[in-house]
Protein backbone atom coordinates (compact mmCIF):
# COMPACT_ATOMS: atom_id res chain seq x y z
CA MET A 1 100.09 32.31 103.99
CA ILE A 2 99.59 33.74 100.63
CA ASN A 3 101.32 30.94 98.74
CA LYS A 4 98.58 28.69 99.88
CA LYS A 5 96.19 30.56 97.59
CA VAL A 6 98.38 29.84 94.62
CA LEU A 7 97.85 27.14 91.81
CA ALA A 8 100.80 26.47 89.80
CA ILE A 9 100.47 25.52 86.15
CA ILE A 10 103.48 24.16 84.30
CA LEU A 11 103.24 24.24 80.52
CA GLY A 12 104.63 20.94 78.96
CA GLY A 13 105.55 22.79 75.59
CA GLY A 14 104.84 21.82 72.13
CA GLN A 15 106.94 19.64 69.87
CA GLY A 16 110.19 21.08 70.69
CA THR A 17 111.36 20.77 66.98
CA ARG A 18 114.41 23.21 67.72
CA LEU A 19 115.53 20.94 70.27
CA SER A 20 115.38 17.85 67.92
CA PRO A 21 116.54 15.07 67.91
CA LEU A 22 116.61 15.28 71.70
CA THR A 23 112.71 15.62 71.52
CA ASP A 24 112.11 13.02 69.04
CA GLN A 25 111.13 10.52 71.62
CA ARG A 26 110.49 12.68 74.70
CA SER A 27 108.94 16.08 75.60
CA LYS A 28 111.00 18.96 76.21
CA PRO A 29 110.48 19.14 79.89
CA ALA A 30 111.59 15.35 80.08
CA VAL A 31 114.88 16.15 78.53
CA SER A 32 117.86 15.18 80.97
CA ILE A 33 119.87 18.09 82.64
CA ALA A 34 123.05 17.72 84.53
CA GLY A 35 123.24 14.11 84.03
CA LYS A 36 120.47 13.14 86.50
CA TYR A 37 117.49 15.63 86.56
CA ARG A 38 114.78 16.51 84.06
CA LEU A 39 114.04 19.87 82.85
CA VAL A 40 110.54 19.74 84.55
CA ASP A 41 112.29 19.28 88.02
CA ILE A 42 113.24 23.05 87.71
CA PRO A 43 109.93 24.58 88.14
CA ILE A 44 108.58 21.95 90.27
CA SER A 45 111.64 22.36 92.77
CA ASN A 46 111.15 26.16 92.57
CA CYS A 47 107.61 25.91 93.58
CA ILE A 48 108.23 23.43 96.39
CA HIS A 49 110.94 25.63 97.90
CA CYS A 50 108.49 28.33 97.89
CA ASP A 51 105.91 25.92 99.75
CA ILE A 52 103.79 26.10 96.57
CA LYS A 53 102.78 22.36 96.54
CA ARG A 54 99.54 22.28 94.38
CA MET A 55 100.76 21.90 90.78
CA PHE A 56 99.54 20.78 87.34
CA VAL A 57 101.71 19.96 84.50
CA LEU A 58 99.91 20.24 81.06
CA THR A 59 101.46 17.70 78.60
CA GLN A 60 100.85 16.89 74.97
CA PHE A 61 103.56 15.69 72.75
CA ASN A 62 105.68 12.61 73.56
CA SER A 63 104.62 12.81 77.22
CA ALA A 64 104.96 9.00 78.19
CA SER A 65 108.43 9.37 79.81
CA LEU A 66 107.58 12.99 81.56
CA ASN A 67 104.10 11.49 82.96
CA ARG A 68 106.54 8.34 84.23
CA HIS A 69 109.00 10.59 85.79
CA ILE A 70 106.69 12.93 87.61
CA LYS A 71 104.37 9.82 88.89
CA ASN A 72 107.50 8.15 90.39
CA THR A 73 109.15 11.31 91.67
CA TYR A 74 106.66 13.71 93.19
CA VAL A 75 104.72 11.50 95.83
CA PHE A 76 103.47 13.55 98.96
CA SER A 77 101.95 12.54 102.15
CA THR A 78 98.50 10.95 101.95
CA PHE A 79 97.45 13.56 104.52
CA SER A 80 98.68 16.48 102.55
CA ASP A 81 96.77 18.44 100.01
CA ALA A 82 100.14 18.82 98.03
CA PHE A 83 100.32 17.18 94.48
CA VAL A 84 101.91 17.39 91.07
CA ASP A 85 99.09 16.20 88.72
CA ILE A 86 99.42 15.59 84.81
CA LEU A 87 96.77 16.99 82.66
CA ALA A 88 97.41 15.46 79.04
CA ALA A 89 95.60 17.03 76.06
CA GLU A 90 92.32 15.57 75.26
CA GLN A 91 89.50 15.80 73.19
CA THR A 92 86.06 16.61 74.78
CA PRO A 93 82.57 17.31 73.58
CA ASP A 94 83.58 21.07 74.16
CA ASN A 95 87.07 20.77 72.80
CA LYS A 96 87.65 18.76 69.40
CA THR A 97 91.13 19.96 68.86
CA TRP A 98 94.46 19.52 70.62
CA TYR A 99 96.28 22.42 72.43
CA GLN A 100 96.84 25.25 69.92
CA GLY A 101 99.18 27.35 72.03
CA THR A 102 100.10 28.34 75.83
CA ALA A 103 96.89 30.08 76.31
CA ASP A 104 94.63 27.31 74.81
CA ALA A 105 96.37 24.71 76.85
CA VAL A 106 95.28 26.33 80.14
CA ARG A 107 91.88 27.08 78.59
CA GLN A 108 91.14 23.48 77.74
CA SER A 109 92.31 22.49 81.15
CA MET A 110 90.24 25.06 82.84
CA TYR A 111 87.64 22.75 84.11
CA GLN A 112 90.00 20.59 85.85
CA LEU A 113 91.85 23.70 87.47
CA LEU A 114 88.48 24.97 88.91
CA ASN A 115 87.98 22.07 90.90
CA HIS A 116 90.57 23.46 93.19
CA GLU A 117 90.40 26.56 95.33
CA PHE A 118 92.92 29.21 94.45
CA GLU A 119 93.07 33.05 94.12
CA TYR A 120 96.18 33.19 91.93
CA ALA A 121 97.47 31.26 89.14
CA LEU A 122 101.17 30.90 88.77
CA ILE A 123 101.88 29.81 85.06
CA LEU A 124 105.45 28.35 84.39
CA SER A 125 107.43 27.03 81.48
CA GLY A 126 108.64 23.49 81.68
CA ASP A 127 111.85 24.25 79.71
CA GLN A 128 113.82 26.98 81.51
CA LEU A 129 116.63 26.81 83.78
CA TYR A 130 116.74 29.20 86.63
CA LYS A 131 116.07 29.37 90.34
CA MET A 132 113.54 31.88 91.59
CA ASP A 133 111.74 32.78 94.63
CA PHE A 134 108.13 33.00 93.42
CA ASN A 135 107.04 34.24 96.95
CA GLU A 136 108.69 37.49 96.17
CA MET A 137 107.08 37.97 92.84
CA ILE A 138 103.61 36.85 94.52
CA ASP A 139 103.95 39.66 97.22
CA ALA A 140 104.74 42.31 94.77
CA HIS A 141 101.66 41.13 92.70
CA VAL A 142 99.52 41.30 95.85
CA ASN A 143 100.89 44.57 97.35
CA LYS A 144 100.81 46.58 94.17
CA GLY A 145 97.15 45.39 93.23
CA ALA A 146 98.22 43.98 89.87
CA ASP A 147 95.73 42.07 87.96
CA ILE A 148 98.69 40.26 85.87
CA SER A 149 102.50 40.08 86.85
CA ILE A 150 105.06 38.91 84.34
CA ALA A 151 108.65 38.04 85.29
CA THR A 152 111.03 39.90 83.50
CA ILE A 153 114.95 39.86 83.28
CA PRO A 154 117.30 42.75 82.05
CA VAL A 155 119.06 42.03 79.00
CA LYS A 156 121.58 43.62 76.60
CA SER A 157 120.53 45.12 73.31
CA LYS A 158 121.74 42.38 71.20
CA GLU A 159 119.70 39.81 73.23
CA ALA A 160 116.60 42.11 73.22
CA THR A 161 116.13 41.10 69.48
CA GLN A 162 115.16 37.44 70.69
CA PHE A 163 112.46 38.28 73.23
CA GLY A 164 109.33 40.21 73.87
CA ILE A 165 110.46 43.57 75.31
CA LEU A 166 108.42 45.53 78.02
CA LYS A 167 108.48 49.22 78.85
CA THR A 168 107.55 50.21 82.47
CA ASP A 169 106.24 53.35 84.17
CA GLU A 170 107.72 54.71 87.31
CA HIS A 171 105.65 52.11 89.38
CA SER A 172 106.98 49.10 87.52
CA PHE A 173 103.71 48.68 85.58
CA ILE A 174 103.86 47.77 82.01
CA SER A 175 102.98 50.60 79.37
CA SER A 176 104.05 49.13 76.13
CA PHE A 177 104.97 45.89 74.81
CA ILE A 178 106.98 44.97 71.36
CA GLU A 179 107.79 41.48 70.27
CA LYS A 180 111.53 40.67 69.15
CA PRO A 181 112.31 44.10 67.93
CA SER A 182 115.32 44.96 65.44
CA LEU A 183 118.23 46.90 66.99
CA GLU A 184 116.87 49.88 65.04
CA LYS A 185 113.65 49.77 67.03
CA LEU A 186 115.17 49.54 70.46
CA SER A 187 115.88 53.21 70.95
CA GLY A 188 113.41 54.36 73.63
CA TRP A 189 112.79 50.91 75.18
CA GLU A 190 114.99 51.08 78.05
CA SER A 191 113.63 50.59 81.32
CA GLU A 192 114.80 51.49 84.78
CA VAL A 193 116.99 48.62 86.16
CA SER A 194 119.54 48.46 89.03
CA LEU A 195 122.88 50.01 88.96
CA GLU A 196 124.54 46.62 88.51
CA MET A 197 122.32 45.79 85.49
CA GLN A 198 123.13 49.31 84.14
CA LYS A 199 126.88 48.61 84.53
CA GLU A 200 126.46 45.31 82.51
CA GLU A 201 124.47 47.33 79.99
CA ARG A 202 121.19 45.18 80.65
CA ASN A 203 118.84 48.07 80.18
CA TYR A 204 115.93 46.21 78.29
CA LEU A 205 113.31 44.14 80.14
CA ALA A 206 112.72 40.81 78.54
CA SER A 207 109.49 38.62 79.33
CA MET A 208 110.55 35.19 81.00
CA GLY A 209 107.27 33.84 80.24
CA ILE A 210 106.52 33.48 83.81
CA TYR A 211 103.05 34.89 84.81
CA ILE A 212 100.84 35.37 87.79
CA PHE A 213 97.12 36.09 87.05
CA ASN A 214 94.25 36.82 89.48
CA LYS A 215 91.71 33.86 89.01
CA GLN A 216 88.74 35.61 87.91
CA LEU A 217 90.79 37.64 85.23
CA LEU A 218 92.20 34.44 83.96
CA ILE A 219 88.80 32.96 83.49
CA ASP A 220 87.42 36.02 81.96
CA THR A 221 90.43 36.41 79.60
CA LEU A 222 90.35 32.83 78.51
CA SER A 223 86.70 32.96 77.66
CA ASN A 224 87.83 34.71 74.57
CA THR A 225 88.66 31.50 72.22
CA ASP A 226 90.15 33.51 69.55
CA THR A 227 93.37 33.97 71.71
CA ILE A 228 95.78 30.95 71.91
CA ASP A 229 99.30 32.33 73.05
CA PHE A 230 99.93 34.17 76.42
CA GLY A 231 102.94 35.96 75.04
CA LYS A 232 101.97 36.94 71.50
CA GLU A 233 98.32 37.76 72.26
CA ILE A 234 96.84 37.96 75.66
CA ILE A 235 99.71 39.92 77.32
CA PRO A 236 99.98 42.65 74.63
CA GLN A 237 96.21 43.06 74.59
CA SER A 238 95.95 43.11 78.58
CA ILE A 239 98.44 45.93 78.87
CA THR A 240 96.04 48.60 77.82
CA LYS A 241 93.06 47.02 79.83
CA ASN A 242 94.57 45.83 83.04
CA LYS A 243 97.18 46.68 85.79
CA VAL A 244 100.08 44.52 84.31
CA LEU A 245 103.23 44.41 86.68
CA ALA A 246 106.67 43.76 85.51
CA TYR A 247 108.65 42.03 88.44
CA GLN A 248 112.31 42.12 87.84
CA TYR A 249 114.57 39.11 88.12
CA GLU A 250 118.31 39.58 87.93
CA GLY A 251 119.65 36.00 88.67
CA TYR A 252 120.64 33.19 86.12
CA TRP A 253 118.00 32.20 83.64
CA THR A 254 118.01 30.64 80.25
CA ASP A 255 115.53 29.42 77.90
CA ILE A 256 116.53 25.91 76.63
CA GLY A 257 115.01 26.78 73.11
CA ASN A 258 117.64 24.88 71.02
CA VAL A 259 120.38 22.43 70.91
CA PRO A 260 123.32 24.75 71.18
CA ALA A 261 121.34 26.69 74.18
CA PHE A 262 120.90 23.24 75.77
CA PHE A 263 124.56 22.27 75.33
CA GLU A 264 125.91 25.40 76.68
CA ALA A 265 123.72 25.30 79.59
CA ASN A 266 125.04 21.79 80.49
CA ILE A 267 128.69 22.42 79.87
CA SER A 268 128.43 25.71 81.71
CA LEU A 269 127.56 23.67 85.00
CA THR A 270 131.41 22.49 85.03
CA ASP A 271 132.72 26.15 85.49
CA ASP A 272 134.43 26.89 88.66
CA VAL A 273 131.63 29.37 89.81
CA PRO A 274 128.61 28.25 87.59
CA LYS A 275 125.84 30.72 87.17
CA PHE A 276 123.28 27.82 87.98
CA ASP A 277 124.28 26.53 91.31
CA LEU A 278 123.56 22.84 91.87
CA PHE A 279 125.26 22.79 95.41
CA ASN A 280 123.10 25.18 97.41
CA LYS A 281 121.56 23.13 100.28
CA ASN A 282 118.76 25.67 100.72
CA ASN A 283 117.64 25.68 97.03
CA SER A 284 118.45 22.13 95.58
CA VAL A 285 117.05 20.67 92.42
CA LEU A 286 114.64 17.91 93.43
CA THR A 287 114.27 14.78 91.53
CA ARG A 288 113.61 10.93 91.75
CA PRO A 289 116.17 9.33 94.02
CA ARG A 290 117.73 6.24 92.42
CA ILE A 291 119.48 3.29 94.15
CA LEU A 292 122.64 3.31 92.32
CA PRO A 293 126.16 2.65 93.50
CA PRO A 294 128.74 5.33 93.56
CA SER A 295 130.73 5.83 90.49
CA LYS A 296 133.88 3.70 89.74
CA ILE A 297 136.73 5.52 88.27
CA SER A 298 139.81 3.95 87.16
CA GLY A 299 143.09 5.58 85.57
CA THR A 300 141.24 8.62 84.44
CA ARG A 301 142.44 12.30 84.62
CA LEU A 302 139.46 14.39 85.34
CA ASP A 303 139.20 18.24 84.90
CA LYS A 304 136.26 20.50 85.43
CA SER A 305 133.80 17.63 85.11
CA MET A 306 130.62 16.42 86.76
CA ILE A 307 130.10 12.78 87.12
CA ALA A 308 126.85 11.30 88.06
CA GLU A 309 125.96 8.18 90.21
CA GLY A 310 126.48 4.72 88.88
CA CYS A 311 129.16 5.05 86.21
CA ILE A 312 131.90 2.75 85.17
CA ILE A 313 134.86 4.81 83.75
CA ASN A 314 138.01 3.65 82.54
CA ALA A 315 138.70 6.68 80.17
CA LYS A 316 142.23 8.29 79.65
CA GLU A 317 140.82 11.74 80.32
CA ILE A 318 137.51 13.86 80.81
CA GLU A 319 137.65 17.62 80.43
CA ARG A 320 134.92 19.97 80.81
CA SER A 321 132.02 17.29 80.50
CA VAL A 322 128.92 16.19 82.31
CA ILE A 323 128.68 12.32 82.44
CA GLY A 324 125.15 11.11 83.22
CA ILE A 325 123.83 8.15 85.24
CA ARG A 326 124.99 4.64 84.42
CA SER A 327 127.42 5.75 81.82
CA ARG A 328 130.24 3.33 80.74
CA ILE A 329 133.48 4.73 79.17
CA GLY A 330 136.08 2.44 77.83
CA LYS A 331 140.03 2.63 78.24
CA ASP A 332 142.26 5.15 76.42
CA THR A 333 139.20 7.41 75.50
CA SER A 334 139.19 10.93 75.60
CA ILE A 335 135.96 13.05 76.37
CA LYS A 336 136.05 16.79 76.17
CA ASN A 337 133.07 19.39 75.94
CA THR A 338 130.73 16.64 76.13
CA TYR A 339 127.39 16.01 77.59
CA MET A 340 126.94 12.29 77.97
CA ILE A 341 123.12 11.64 79.24
CA GLY A 342 123.72 8.16 80.28
CA ALA A 343 121.74 4.81 80.17
CA ASN A 344 118.28 3.71 81.41
CA SER A 345 119.65 0.57 82.85
CA TYR A 346 122.82 -1.51 83.20
CA GLN A 347 123.61 -4.52 80.79
CA ASP A 348 124.28 -7.73 82.60
CA MET A 349 127.06 -10.19 81.56
CA GLN A 350 124.76 -12.32 79.43
CA GLU A 351 123.69 -9.05 77.43
CA LEU A 352 127.34 -8.04 77.07
CA ASP A 353 128.44 -11.38 76.00
CA LYS A 354 125.52 -11.49 73.40
CA ASP A 355 126.73 -8.07 72.05
CA TYR A 356 130.22 -9.32 71.71
CA GLU A 357 129.19 -12.57 69.87
CA GLU A 358 126.99 -10.24 67.55
CA GLY A 359 129.82 -7.66 67.15
CA ILE A 360 127.36 -4.74 68.43
CA PRO A 361 128.98 -2.24 70.69
CA SER A 362 127.84 -2.27 74.22
CA ILE A 363 125.90 0.85 75.81
CA GLY A 364 128.39 3.52 76.35
CA VAL A 365 131.54 4.51 74.80
CA GLY A 366 134.25 1.94 73.74
CA ASP A 367 138.08 2.01 74.06
CA ARG A 368 140.60 4.39 72.26
CA CYS A 369 137.74 6.92 71.35
CA TYR A 370 137.98 10.66 70.97
CA ILE A 371 134.56 12.71 71.72
CA ASN A 372 134.56 16.46 71.66
CA ASN A 373 131.73 19.13 71.55
CA THR A 374 129.14 16.45 71.44
CA ILE A 375 125.92 15.44 73.19
CA LEU A 376 125.72 11.60 73.49
CA ASP A 377 121.85 10.85 74.16
CA LYS A 378 120.79 8.10 76.37
CA ASP A 379 121.59 4.53 75.53
CA VAL A 380 123.96 5.24 72.72
CA ARG A 381 126.41 2.50 71.71
CA ILE A 382 129.78 3.99 70.53
CA GLY A 383 132.40 1.30 69.23
CA ASN A 384 136.06 1.39 69.63
CA ASP A 385 138.42 3.77 67.81
CA VAL A 386 135.58 6.25 67.05
CA VAL A 387 136.45 9.94 66.48
CA ILE A 388 133.55 12.52 66.92
CA ASN A 389 135.17 16.15 66.82
CA GLY A 390 132.40 18.59 66.98
CA GLY A 391 133.26 22.34 66.34
CA ALA A 392 132.60 25.30 64.03
CA HIS A 393 134.45 23.55 61.25
CA LEU A 394 131.33 21.50 60.83
CA GLU A 395 128.32 22.59 58.88
CA ASP A 396 124.73 21.93 60.08
CA THR A 397 123.19 18.39 58.92
CA GLU A 398 120.88 15.82 59.86
CA GLN A 399 121.90 12.22 59.30
CA ASP A 400 120.24 8.89 60.33
CA VAL A 401 122.31 8.69 63.63
CA TYR A 402 123.47 12.27 64.20
CA VAL A 403 122.67 15.83 63.77
CA ILE A 404 124.91 18.85 63.67
CA ARG A 405 123.64 22.06 65.10
CA GLU A 406 126.03 25.14 65.15
CA GLY A 407 129.09 22.93 65.67
CA VAL A 408 127.40 20.73 68.39
CA VAL A 409 127.13 17.11 67.42
CA VAL A 410 124.16 15.27 68.63
CA ILE A 411 124.13 11.39 68.59
CA LYS A 412 120.75 10.21 68.69
CA LYS A 413 119.22 8.04 71.39
CA GLY A 414 119.87 4.51 71.19
CA THR A 415 122.07 4.81 68.11
CA VAL A 416 124.92 2.30 67.27
CA ILE A 417 128.21 3.95 66.19
CA PRO A 418 130.48 1.00 64.63
CA ASP A 419 134.13 0.74 65.30
CA GLY A 420 136.35 3.15 63.54
CA PHE A 421 133.67 5.73 62.74
CA LYS A 422 134.99 9.26 62.04
CA LEU A 423 133.40 12.53 62.19
């Protein structure tokens, strides 16, 4: 099968400053999604479901938790050639610098990649949310004799200004490219899309940052050390020299680029029919199994919410929220439009007694609190009678214990919020 000739390369991303403070102590692909997964589980799961089981994850910034998650999660049979290996940025006699961009990351790792036999390199981002059959894209790449294939998604004009936009010919090969065009420059950049996409006025093809390269072309292209980024340099330059195919994908896809996008991606999972379906048995998101008890919920009104395993909840109400593993929520507390990431471990009775004696809130949310439009990062300690009411009325700011981005309040990892705090 053709997928046996494919090597997947998952880019761990840069510093992720736009997703700060969630990336202050972890890399973007290690950020929790849906209360129990990591973002890196998305591309890895997509690959495994497509029987692409040779993967490298290229990491650089804050990679300890990402490395630990991958090592503990993706363990294949001793007698299988499947693997998910981590390639951390390193200095060598030939490379004195860290990764300078997406292409440079692959270039510096090439000597490791070439230890494996492959004909096609599937290059993926580690910080996107989608479910995709890569086999269909690979088949299109091979059958049309492409040198490079780019996954594209139809977008509306107002969204097109945020992406690299591609123009295709009648055979779906890319003829031109423009990076984040203004609305005035969009005229004439419409591409042929399906009737369904036309009805939704999604007439522009945006690059998803997912690529297939023929092996030798990738080697030759990366031999030019002046180019460091696929999207900004290599793809635009390749269009005039190579056969670059646009593969159209019409499913759900979002780039987790900033705090509001991350917040919306998680909260939208609580919709009656979410665009990203976690309940599809044929295309499930894979992650590390945890030996946790079922969640225990007492006296709580729940509406459109997702509760991960191992939680102890005594709240008054939880509405349109995602509650992560090992979360603890006290009595008479209201949680609305909130993503609570959860905790790394349980506190035993000795630890709880010590917190009480020292006047420190325990891990989780205390009694009589009101939390709205908020992300509670892992291991936060919210005291009693706390009010955190996010929304458009709040201006962007960055404080020691929280930040606000477009109305979304983010309580930083491990933060202690004292009794009676109000925001």
